[in-house]
PDB file of all heavy atoms in Angstrom:
ATOM      1  N   HIS A   1     119.841   8.754   8.403  1.00  0.00           N
ATOM      2  CA  HIS A   1     118.537   8.371   7.861  1.00  0.00           C
ATOM      3  C   HIS A   1     117.644   9.566   7.543  1.00  0.00           C
ATOM      4  O   HIS A   1     116.812   9.493   6.626  1.00  0.00           O
ATOM      5  CB  HIS A   1     117.795   7.479   8.864  1.00  0.00           C
ATOM      6  CG  HIS A   1     118.349   6.096   8.996  1.00  0.00           C
ATOM      7  ND1 HIS A   1     117.882   5.024   8.268  1.00  0.00           N
ATOM      8  CD2 HIS A   1     119.345   5.599   9.774  1.00  0.00           C
ATOM      9  CE1 HIS A   1     118.554   3.927   8.587  1.00  0.00           C
ATOM     10  NE2 HIS A   1     119.452   4.253   9.503  1.00  0.00           N
ATOM     11  N   LEU A   2     117.774  10.642   8.318  1.00  0.00           N
ATOM     12  CA  LEU A   2     116.822  11.749   8.258  1.00  0.00           C
ATOM     13  C   LEU A   2     117.524  13.075   7.988  1.00  0.00           C
ATOM     14  O   LEU A   2     118.709  13.216   8.287  1.00  0.00           O
ATOM     15  CB  LEU A   2     116.062  11.861   9.590  1.00  0.00           C
ATOM     16  CG  LEU A   2     115.330  10.624  10.102  1.00  0.00           C
ATOM     17  CD1 LEU A   2     114.792  10.877  11.501  1.00  0.00           C
ATOM     18  CD2 LEU A   2     114.194  10.248   9.157  1.00  0.00           C
ATOM     19  N   PRO A   3     116.797  14.057   7.448  1.00  0.00           N
ATOM     20  CA  PRO A   3     117.377  15.391   7.281  1.00  0.00           C
ATOM     21  C   PRO A   3     117.656  16.037   8.635  1.00  0.00           C
ATOM     22  O   PRO A   3     116.964  15.771   9.622  1.00  0.00           O
ATOM     23  CB  PRO A   3     116.299  16.165   6.504  1.00  0.00           C
ATOM     24  CG  PRO A   3     115.041  15.405   6.742  1.00  0.00           C
ATOM     25  CD  PRO A   3     115.426  13.973   6.900  1.00  0.00           C
ATOM     26  N   ILE A   4     118.674  16.903   8.680  1.00  0.00           N
ATOM     27  CA  ILE A   4     119.091  17.507   9.945  1.00  0.00           C
ATOM     28  C   ILE A   4     117.989  18.353  10.565  1.00  0.00           C
ATOM     29  O   ILE A   4     117.887  18.464  11.786  1.00  0.00           O
ATOM     30  CB  ILE A   4     120.382  18.335   9.744  1.00  0.00           C
ATOM     31  CG1 ILE A   4     121.003  18.683  11.107  1.00  0.00           C
ATOM     32  CG2 ILE A   4     120.109  19.579   8.905  1.00  0.00           C
ATOM     33  CD1 ILE A   4     122.391  19.292  10.986  1.00  0.00           C
ATOM     34  N   SER A   5     117.113  18.945   9.730  1.00  0.00           N
ATOM     35  CA  SER A   5     116.030  19.773  10.267  1.00  0.00           C
ATOM     36  C   SER A   5     115.062  18.952  11.099  1.00  0.00           C
ATOM     37  O   SER A   5     114.590  19.396  12.150  1.00  0.00           O
ATOM     38  CB  SER A   5     115.276  20.461   9.116  1.00  0.00           C
ATOM     39  OG  SER A   5     114.759  19.493   8.214  1.00  0.00           O
ATOM     40  N   LEU A   6     114.769  17.740  10.652  1.00  0.00           N
ATOM     41  CA  LEU A   6     113.848  16.883  11.397  1.00  0.00           C
ATOM     42  C   LEU A   6     114.492  16.375  12.681  1.00  0.00           C
ATOM     43  O   LEU A   6     113.851  16.339  13.738  1.00  0.00           O
ATOM     44  CB  LEU A   6     113.407  15.708  10.528  1.00  0.00           C
ATOM     45  CG  LEU A   6     112.427  14.711  11.162  1.00  0.00           C
ATOM     46  CD1 LEU A   6     111.210  15.426  11.725  1.00  0.00           C
ATOM     47  CD2 LEU A   6     112.011  13.654  10.157  1.00  0.00           C
ATOM     48  N   VAL A   7     115.756  15.990  12.617  1.00  0.00           N
ATOM     49  CA  VAL A   7     116.464  15.537  13.816  1.00  0.00           C
ATOM     50  C   VAL A   7     116.531  16.664  14.842  1.00  0.00           C
ATOM     51  O   VAL A   7     116.337  16.446  16.043  1.00  0.00           O
ATOM     52  CB  VAL A   7     117.881  15.048  13.461  1.00  0.00           C
ATOM     53  CG1 VAL A   7     118.640  14.654  14.724  1.00  0.00           C
ATOM     54  CG2 VAL A   7     117.809  13.864  12.501  1.00  0.00           C
ATOM     55  N   ALA A   8     116.772  17.897  14.369  1.00  0.00           N
ATOM     56  CA  ALA A   8     116.812  19.050  15.266  1.00  0.00           C
ATOM     57  C   ALA A   8     115.455  19.299  15.911  1.00  0.00           C
ATOM     58  O   ALA A   8     115.368  19.637  17.096  1.00  0.00           O
ATOM     59  CB  ALA A   8     117.266  20.290  14.496  1.00  0.00           C
ATOM     60  N   ALA A   9     114.393  19.124  15.144  1.00  0.00           N
ATOM     61  CA  ALA A   9     113.049  19.335  15.675  1.00  0.00           C
ATOM     62  C   ALA A   9     112.746  18.353  16.799  1.00  0.00           C
ATOM     63  O   ALA A   9     112.245  18.729  17.866  1.00  0.00           O
ATOM     64  CB  ALA A   9     112.020  19.196  14.558  1.00  0.00           C
ATOM     65  N   ILE A  10     113.066  17.082  16.567  1.00  0.00           N
ATOM     66  CA  ILE A  10     112.797  16.065  17.575  1.00  0.00           C
ATOM     67  C   ILE A  10     113.682  16.274  18.801  1.00  0.00           C
ATOM     68  O   ILE A  10     113.248  16.079  19.937  1.00  0.00           O
ATOM     69  CB  ILE A  10     113.011  14.660  16.969  1.00  0.00           C
ATOM     70  CG1 ILE A  10     111.975  14.412  15.867  1.00  0.00           C
ATOM     71  CG2 ILE A  10     112.910  13.578  18.042  1.00  0.00           C
ATOM     72  CD1 ILE A  10     112.195  13.128  15.080  1.00  0.00           C
ATOM     73  N   GLU A  11     114.918  16.704  18.574  1.00  0.00           N
ATOM     74  CA  GLU A  11     115.837  16.956  19.683  1.00  0.00           C
ATOM     75  C   GLU A  11     115.308  18.069  20.582  1.00  0.00           C
ATOM     76  O   GLU A  11     115.463  18.027  21.801  1.00  0.00           O
ATOM     77  CB  GLU A  11     117.208  17.340  19.120  1.00  0.00           C
ATOM     78  CG  GLU A  11     118.302  17.467  20.164  1.00  0.00           C
ATOM     79  CD  GLU A  11     119.657  17.723  19.547  1.00  0.00           C
ATOM     80  OE1 GLU A  11     119.798  18.725  18.822  1.00  0.00           O
ATOM     81  OE2 GLU A  11     120.576  16.910  19.769  1.00  0.00           O
ATOM     82  N   PHE A  12     114.659  19.062  19.979  1.00  0.00           N
ATOM     83  CA  PHE A  12     114.163  20.205  20.738  1.00  0.00           C
ATOM     84  C   PHE A  12     112.929  19.852  21.566  1.00  0.00           C
ATOM     85  O   PHE A  12     112.706  20.416  22.642  1.00  0.00           O
ATOM     86  CB  PHE A  12     113.836  21.350  19.779  1.00  0.00           C
ATOM     87  CG  PHE A  12     113.134  22.510  20.418  1.00  0.00           C
ATOM     88  CD1 PHE A  12     113.794  23.332  21.318  1.00  0.00           C
ATOM     89  CD2 PHE A  12     111.809  22.782  20.134  1.00  0.00           C
ATOM     90  CE1 PHE A  12     113.143  24.399  21.921  1.00  0.00           C
ATOM     91  CE2 PHE A  12     111.151  23.847  20.717  1.00  0.00           C
ATOM     92  CZ  PHE A  12     111.822  24.664  21.616  1.00  0.00           C
ATOM     93  N   VAL A  13     112.121  18.893  21.093  1.00  0.00           N
ATOM     94  CA  VAL A  13     110.853  18.575  21.761  1.00  0.00           C
ATOM     95  C   VAL A  13     111.047  18.211  23.227  1.00  0.00           C
ATOM     96  O   VAL A  13     110.314  18.671  24.108  1.00  0.00           O
ATOM     97  CB  VAL A  13     110.130  17.432  21.010  1.00  0.00           C
ATOM     98  CG1 VAL A  13     108.970  16.896  21.834  1.00  0.00           C
ATOM     99  CG2 VAL A  13     109.614  17.931  19.661  1.00  0.00           C
ATOM    100  N   GLY A  14     112.043  17.382  23.523  1.00  0.00           N
ATOM    101  CA  GLY A  14     112.234  16.926  24.895  1.00  0.00           C
ATOM    102  C   GLY A  14     112.545  18.044  25.870  1.00  0.00           C
ATOM    103  O   GLY A  14     112.172  17.982  27.049  1.00  0.00           O
ATOM    104  N   THR A  15     113.228  19.080  25.389  1.00  0.00           N
ATOM    105  CA  THR A  15     113.608  20.180  26.283  1.00  0.00           C
ATOM    106  C   THR A  15     112.430  21.095  26.629  1.00  0.00           C
ATOM    107  O   THR A  15     112.530  21.885  27.575  1.00  0.00           O
ATOM    108  CB  THR A  15     114.721  21.025  25.653  1.00  0.00           C
ATOM    109  OG1 THR A  15     114.241  21.628  24.447  1.00  0.00           O
ATOM    110  CG2 THR A  15     115.929  20.165  25.335  1.00  0.00           C
ATOM    111  N   ILE A  16     111.342  20.991  25.867  1.00  0.00           N
ATOM    112  CA  ILE A  16     110.171  21.820  26.170  1.00  0.00           C
ATOM    113  C   ILE A  16     109.667  21.528  27.577  1.00  0.00           C
ATOM    114  O   ILE A  16     109.269  22.427  28.321  1.00  0.00           O
ATOM    115  CB  ILE A  16     109.047  21.587  25.132  1.00  0.00           C
ATOM    116  CG1 ILE A  16     109.497  22.087  23.753  1.00  0.00           C
ATOM    117  CG2 ILE A  16     107.765  22.287  25.547  1.00  0.00           C
ATOM    118  CD1 ILE A  16     108.494  21.813  22.654  1.00  0.00           C
ATOM    119  N   GLY A  17     109.697  20.234  27.945  1.00  0.00           N
ATOM    120  CA  GLY A  17     109.232  19.855  29.282  1.00  0.00           C
ATOM    121  C   GLY A  17     110.065  20.499  30.377  1.00  0.00           C
ATOM    122  O   GLY A  17     109.529  20.959  31.385  1.00  0.00           O
ATOM    123  N   LEU A  18     111.396  20.554  30.186  1.00  0.00           N
ATOM    124  CA  LEU A  18     112.261  21.197  31.169  1.00  0.00           C
ATOM    125  C   LEU A  18     111.947  22.684  31.294  1.00  0.00           C
ATOM    126  O   LEU A  18     111.910  23.238  32.390  1.00  0.00           O
ATOM    127  CB  LEU A  18     113.731  21.019  30.779  1.00  0.00           C
ATOM    128  CG  LEU A  18     114.324  19.616  30.905  1.00  0.00           C
ATOM    129  CD1 LEU A  18     115.762  19.610  30.399  1.00  0.00           C
ATOM    130  CD2 LEU A  18     114.267  19.126  32.349  1.00  0.00           C
ATOM    131  N   ALA A  19     111.715  23.330  30.162  1.00  0.00           N
ATOM    132  CA  ALA A  19     111.405  24.759  30.187  1.00  0.00           C
ATOM    133  C   ALA A  19     110.039  25.003  30.827  1.00  0.00           C
ATOM    134  O   ALA A  19     109.859  25.929  31.619  1.00  0.00           O
ATOM    135  CB  ALA A  19     111.436  25.330  28.775  1.00  0.00           C
ATOM    136  N   LEU A  20     109.057  24.164  30.507  1.00  0.00           N
ATOM    137  CA  LEU A  20     107.713  24.335  31.049  1.00  0.00           C
ATOM    138  C   LEU A  20     107.715  24.156  32.564  1.00  0.00           C
ATOM    139  O   LEU A  20     107.010  24.872  33.290  1.00  0.00           O
ATOM    140  CB  LEU A  20     106.757  23.324  30.402  1.00  0.00           C
ATOM    141  CG  LEU A  20     105.285  23.422  30.804  1.00  0.00           C
ATOM    142  CD1 LEU A  20     104.733  24.792  30.437  1.00  0.00           C
ATOM    143  CD2 LEU A  20     104.477  22.332  30.121  1.00  0.00           C
ATOM    144  N   TYR A  21     108.529  23.216  33.033  1.00  0.00           N
ATOM    145  CA  TYR A  21     108.615  22.977  34.479  1.00  0.00           C
ATOM    146  C   TYR A  21     109.090  24.223  35.223  1.00  0.00           C
ATOM    147  O   TYR A  21     108.717  24.458  36.369  1.00  0.00           O
ATOM    148  CB  TYR A  21     109.574  21.811  34.743  1.00  0.00           C
ATOM    149  CG  TYR A  21     109.778  21.513  36.212  1.00  0.00           C
ATOM    150  CD1 TYR A  21     108.814  20.811  36.929  1.00  0.00           C
ATOM    151  CD2 TYR A  21     110.932  21.928  36.869  1.00  0.00           C
ATOM    152  CE1 TYR A  21     108.991  20.538  38.280  1.00  0.00           C
ATOM    153  CE2 TYR A  21     111.121  21.660  38.213  1.00  0.00           C
ATOM    154  CZ  TYR A  21     110.144  20.959  38.911  1.00  0.00           C
ATOM    155  OH  TYR A  21     110.331  20.695  40.250  1.00  0.00           O
ATOM    156  N   GLY A  22     109.908  25.024  34.551  1.00  0.00           N
ATOM    157  CA  GLY A  22     110.460  26.196  35.215  1.00  0.00           C
ATOM    158  C   GLY A  22     109.652  27.469  35.031  1.00  0.00           C
ATOM    159  O   GLY A  22     110.093  28.533  35.469  1.00  0.00           O
ATOM    160  N   VAL A  23     108.490  27.402  34.391  1.00  0.00           N
ATOM    161  CA  VAL A  23     107.672  28.604  34.210  1.00  0.00           C
ATOM    162  C   VAL A  23     107.007  28.953  35.541  1.00  0.00           C
ATOM    163  O   VAL A  23     106.127  28.247  36.008  1.00  0.00           O
ATOM    164  CB  VAL A  23     106.594  28.384  33.114  1.00  0.00           C
ATOM    165  CG1 VAL A  23     105.663  29.585  33.045  1.00  0.00           C
ATOM    166  CG2 VAL A  23     107.263  28.176  31.772  1.00  0.00           C
ATOM    167  N   ARG A  24     107.439  30.041  36.163  1.00  0.00           N
ATOM    168  CA  ARG A  24     106.950  30.408  37.490  1.00  0.00           C
ATOM    169  C   ARG A  24     106.202  31.740  37.499  1.00  0.00           C
ATOM    170  O   ARG A  24     105.615  32.094  38.501  1.00  0.00           O
ATOM    171  CB  ARG A  24     108.128  30.507  38.462  1.00  0.00           C
ATOM    172  CG  ARG A  24     108.985  29.264  38.547  1.00  0.00           C
ATOM    173  CD  ARG A  24     108.261  28.112  39.190  1.00  0.00           C
ATOM    174  NE  ARG A  24     109.157  26.973  39.396  1.00  0.00           N
ATOM    175  CZ  ARG A  24     108.754  25.801  39.854  1.00  0.00           C
ATOM    176  NH1 ARG A  24     107.484  25.602  40.147  1.00  0.00           N
ATOM    177  NH2 ARG A  24     109.615  24.823  40.025  1.00  0.00           N
ATOM    178  N   SER A  25     106.255  32.493  36.415  1.00  0.00           N
ATOM    179  CA  SER A  25     105.633  33.804  36.405  1.00  0.00           C
ATOM    180  C   SER A  25     104.898  34.019  35.092  1.00  0.00           C
ATOM    181  O   SER A  25     105.122  33.304  34.106  1.00  0.00           O
ATOM    182  CB  SER A  25     106.704  34.893  36.575  1.00  0.00           C
ATOM    183  OG  SER A  25     107.562  34.915  35.450  1.00  0.00           O
TER     184      SER A  25
END
């Protein structure tokens, strides 16, 4: 349904939370 760039963008959004959780310094 969608271009691969948009699907990739949405796929990346969820992982931001995992990375933010691990910011310790």
